[in-house]
């Protein structure tokens, strides 16, 4: 009788398995990871000021890739730019499929005056929220023993929506607290 290939689990490379930590060490690492996400969430507010549509989205993706690199380092995982790009792109496409806000916020900047102000405000909110959501998803994934190569965006879609909504609140609070508002 042949085995069902879907039922076979992909073996993990032992080199990609995070080291076992005590509860205190794991909590300290989690706090460091949350700090990485917060720092990059604040940093993701800046591309909103880029006046050219799409360039802001490219800069935002770069910040998110840098955040994933930092998280991989913190969790003792190998960072692959290609795998990270695939993961971030798939997550952003999931967010865009439920909301056109990031693209609209980027492209509305071409309208002088009101369009530019609205575009900056919209990109700050969605850029910060998406960075926060991506970071929180990967913390969850890495803490469950995952790595970049076995990340499944589809399996995380419910959690993505939840974290994106929370990220809107967090990024607005961070922008107001740190005077990053235009």
Protein backbone atom coordinates (compact mmCIF):
# COMPACT_ATOMS: atom_id res chain seq x y z
CA UNK A 1 0.00 0.00 0.00
CA UNK A 2 1.51 3.35 -1.07
CA UNK A 3 1.81 6.15 1.44
CA UNK A 4 -0.14 9.33 0.92
CA UNK A 5 2.46 12.02 0.05
CA UNK A 6 0.31 14.73 1.63
CA UNK A 7 0.34 12.86 4.91
CA UNK A 8 4.14 12.77 5.00
CA UNK A 9 5.60 15.60 6.99
CA UNK A 10 8.58 17.48 5.67
CA UNK A 11 11.60 16.61 7.80
CA UNK A 12 13.27 19.53 9.49
CA UNK A 13 16.93 20.14 9.01
CA UNK A 14 18.50 19.80 12.50
CA UNK A 15 20.60 22.89 11.78
CA UNK A 16 17.37 24.88 11.39
CA UNK A 17 15.92 23.81 14.73
CA UNK A 18 16.17 26.50 17.40
CA UNK A 19 18.12 25.59 20.53
CA UNK A 20 16.13 24.55 23.61
CA UNK A 21 15.82 27.40 26.07
CA UNK A 22 14.70 27.65 29.67
CA UNK A 23 11.38 29.38 30.25
CA UNK A 24 13.18 32.54 31.36
CA UNK A 25 15.46 32.53 28.32
CA UNK A 26 12.51 31.94 25.99
CA UNK A 27 10.61 34.85 27.54
CA UNK A 28 13.66 37.12 27.26
CA UNK A 29 14.06 36.17 23.59
CA UNK A 30 10.35 36.80 22.98
CA UNK A 31 10.67 40.27 24.53
CA UNK A 32 13.68 40.98 22.28
CA UNK A 33 11.66 39.78 19.27
CA UNK A 34 8.75 42.06 20.19
CA UNK A 35 11.22 44.93 20.50
CA UNK A 36 12.57 44.15 17.00
CA UNK A 37 9.00 44.23 15.66
CA UNK A 38 8.24 47.51 17.43
CA UNK A 39 11.44 49.15 16.14
CA UNK A 40 10.68 48.08 12.57
CA UNK A 41 7.03 49.10 12.92
CA UNK A 42 8.23 52.60 13.83
CA UNK A 43 10.70 52.48 10.92
CA UNK A 44 7.95 51.45 8.53
CA UNK A 45 6.17 54.74 9.12
CA UNK A 46 8.94 56.64 7.28
CA UNK A 47 8.34 55.33 3.72
CA UNK A 48 4.94 57.02 3.80
CA UNK A 49 6.77 60.31 3.26
CA UNK A 50 8.20 59.11 -0.07
CA UNK A 51 6.19 61.12 -2.60
CA UNK A 52 6.42 58.62 -5.46
CA UNK A 53 3.86 55.81 -5.71
CA UNK A 54 5.27 52.27 -5.49
CA UNK A 55 8.66 53.47 -4.17
CA UNK A 56 7.09 53.65 -0.72
CA UNK A 57 5.90 50.04 -1.06
CA UNK A 58 9.37 48.91 -2.15
CA UNK A 59 10.94 50.68 0.86
CA UNK A 60 8.34 49.11 3.17
CA UNK A 61 9.15 45.64 1.84
CA UNK A 62 12.84 46.31 2.47
CA UNK A 63 12.13 47.23 6.10
CA UNK A 64 10.10 44.05 6.54
CA UNK A 65 12.88 41.92 5.04
CA UNK A 66 15.38 43.56 7.42
CA UNK A 67 13.04 42.76 10.31
CA UNK A 68 12.84 39.12 9.24
CA UNK A 69 16.63 38.99 9.03
CA UNK A 70 16.86 40.30 12.61
CA UNK A 71 14.22 37.82 13.83
CA UNK A 72 15.98 34.91 12.12
CA UNK A 73 19.22 35.93 13.79
CA UNK A 74 17.52 36.17 17.17
CA UNK A 75 15.94 32.71 16.77
CA UNK A 76 19.15 31.15 15.46
CA UNK A 77 17.73 30.50 12.01
CA UNK A 78 19.31 30.89 8.60
CA UNK A 79 18.06 33.94 6.71
CA UNK A 80 17.37 33.47 3.02
CA UNK A 81 16.54 36.66 1.15
CA UNK A 82 14.67 34.64 -1.49
CA UNK A 83 12.54 32.72 1.04
CA UNK A 84 11.90 35.93 3.00
CA UNK A 85 10.79 37.77 -0.16
CA UNK A 86 8.41 34.95 -1.03
CA UNK A 87 6.97 34.95 2.49
CA UNK A 88 6.57 38.74 2.70
CA UNK A 89 5.11 38.94 -0.81
CA UNK A 90 2.59 36.20 -0.06
CA UNK A 91 1.57 37.92 3.18
CA UNK A 92 1.27 41.32 1.50
CA UNK A 93 -0.82 39.78 -1.28
CA UNK A 94 -3.11 38.28 1.39
CA UNK A 95 -3.48 41.72 2.95
CA UNK A 96 -4.08 43.35 -0.44
CA UNK A 97 -6.70 40.76 -1.35
CA UNK A 98 -8.79 41.90 1.62
CA UNK A 99 -7.96 45.59 1.40
CA UNK A 100 -6.75 47.85 -1.37
CA UNK A 101 -5.70 50.46 1.19
CA UNK A 102 -1.90 50.12 0.81
CA UNK A 103 -2.00 50.49 -2.97
CA UNK A 104 -4.62 53.23 -2.82
CA UNK A 105 -2.61 55.10 -0.18
CA UNK A 106 0.47 54.84 -2.37
CA UNK A 107 -1.17 55.97 -5.61
CA UNK A 108 -3.34 58.73 -4.14
CA UNK A 109 -0.13 60.69 -3.53
CA UNK A 110 -0.13 61.78 -7.18
CA UNK A 111 -3.03 64.14 -6.40
CA UNK A 112 -1.51 67.45 -5.25
CA UNK A 113 -2.34 68.66 -1.73
CA UNK A 114 -5.12 66.56 -0.25
CA UNK A 115 -4.03 63.42 -2.08
CA UNK A 116 -0.50 63.70 -0.78
CA UNK A 117 -1.62 64.26 2.82
CA UNK A 118 -4.16 61.43 2.61
CA UNK A 119 -1.62 59.14 0.98
CA UNK A 120 0.97 59.78 3.69
CA UNK A 121 -1.55 59.18 6.49
CA UNK A 122 -2.89 56.04 4.81
CA UNK A 123 0.57 54.61 4.15
CA UNK A 124 1.66 55.29 7.71
CA UNK A 125 -1.30 53.36 9.09
CA UNK A 126 -1.12 50.43 6.67
CA UNK A 127 2.68 50.30 6.51
CA UNK A 128 2.99 50.14 10.28
CA UNK A 129 0.11 47.68 10.59
CA UNK A 130 1.47 45.34 7.95
CA UNK A 131 4.98 45.37 9.44
CA UNK A 132 3.58 44.67 12.89
CA UNK A 133 1.44 41.80 11.52
CA UNK A 134 4.34 40.26 9.56
CA UNK A 135 6.58 40.45 12.62
CA UNK A 136 4.04 38.93 14.98
CA UNK A 137 3.27 36.13 12.52
CA UNK A 138 6.92 35.19 12.23
CA UNK A 139 7.48 35.29 15.98
CA UNK A 140 4.60 32.85 16.31
CA UNK A 141 5.95 30.68 13.47
CA UNK A 142 9.53 30.64 14.75
CA UNK A 143 8.45 29.86 18.30
CA UNK A 144 6.46 26.89 16.97
CA UNK A 145 9.71 25.55 15.48
CA UNK A 146 9.22 26.88 11.95
CA UNK A 147 11.67 28.62 9.65
CA UNK A 148 11.46 30.70 6.47
CA UNK A 149 11.38 27.73 4.13
CA UNK A 150 8.36 26.07 5.73
CA UNK A 151 6.25 29.19 6.25
CA UNK A 152 2.67 28.82 4.96
CA UNK A 153 0.90 32.18 4.52
CA UNK A 154 -2.42 30.54 3.72
CA UNK A 155 -2.44 28.69 7.05
CA UNK A 156 -1.83 32.00 8.85
CA UNK A 157 -4.50 34.08 7.09
CA UNK A 158 -6.90 34.26 10.06
CA UNK A 159 -4.13 35.26 12.40
CA UNK A 160 -2.87 37.74 9.79
CA UNK A 161 -6.19 39.63 9.77
CA UNK A 162 -6.23 39.73 13.56
CA UNK A 163 -2.65 41.00 13.82
CA UNK A 164 -3.18 43.53 11.01
CA UNK A 165 -6.11 45.05 12.90
CA UNK A 166 -4.06 45.15 16.11
CA UNK A 167 -1.18 46.60 14.09
CA UNK A 168 -3.32 49.55 12.99
CA UNK A 169 -3.83 50.51 16.62
CA UNK A 170 -0.19 49.92 17.54
CA UNK A 171 1.20 51.90 14.60
CA UNK A 172 -1.16 54.82 15.25
CA UNK A 173 -0.12 54.83 18.92
CA UNK A 174 3.58 54.63 18.03
CA UNK A 175 3.26 57.40 15.44
CA UNK A 176 1.52 59.70 17.91
CA UNK A 177 3.83 58.82 20.83
CA UNK A 178 7.04 59.22 18.85
CA UNK A 179 5.89 62.27 16.90
CA UNK A 180 6.12 60.50 13.54
CA UNK A 181 2.92 62.10 12.31
CA UNK A 182 3.30 64.49 9.38
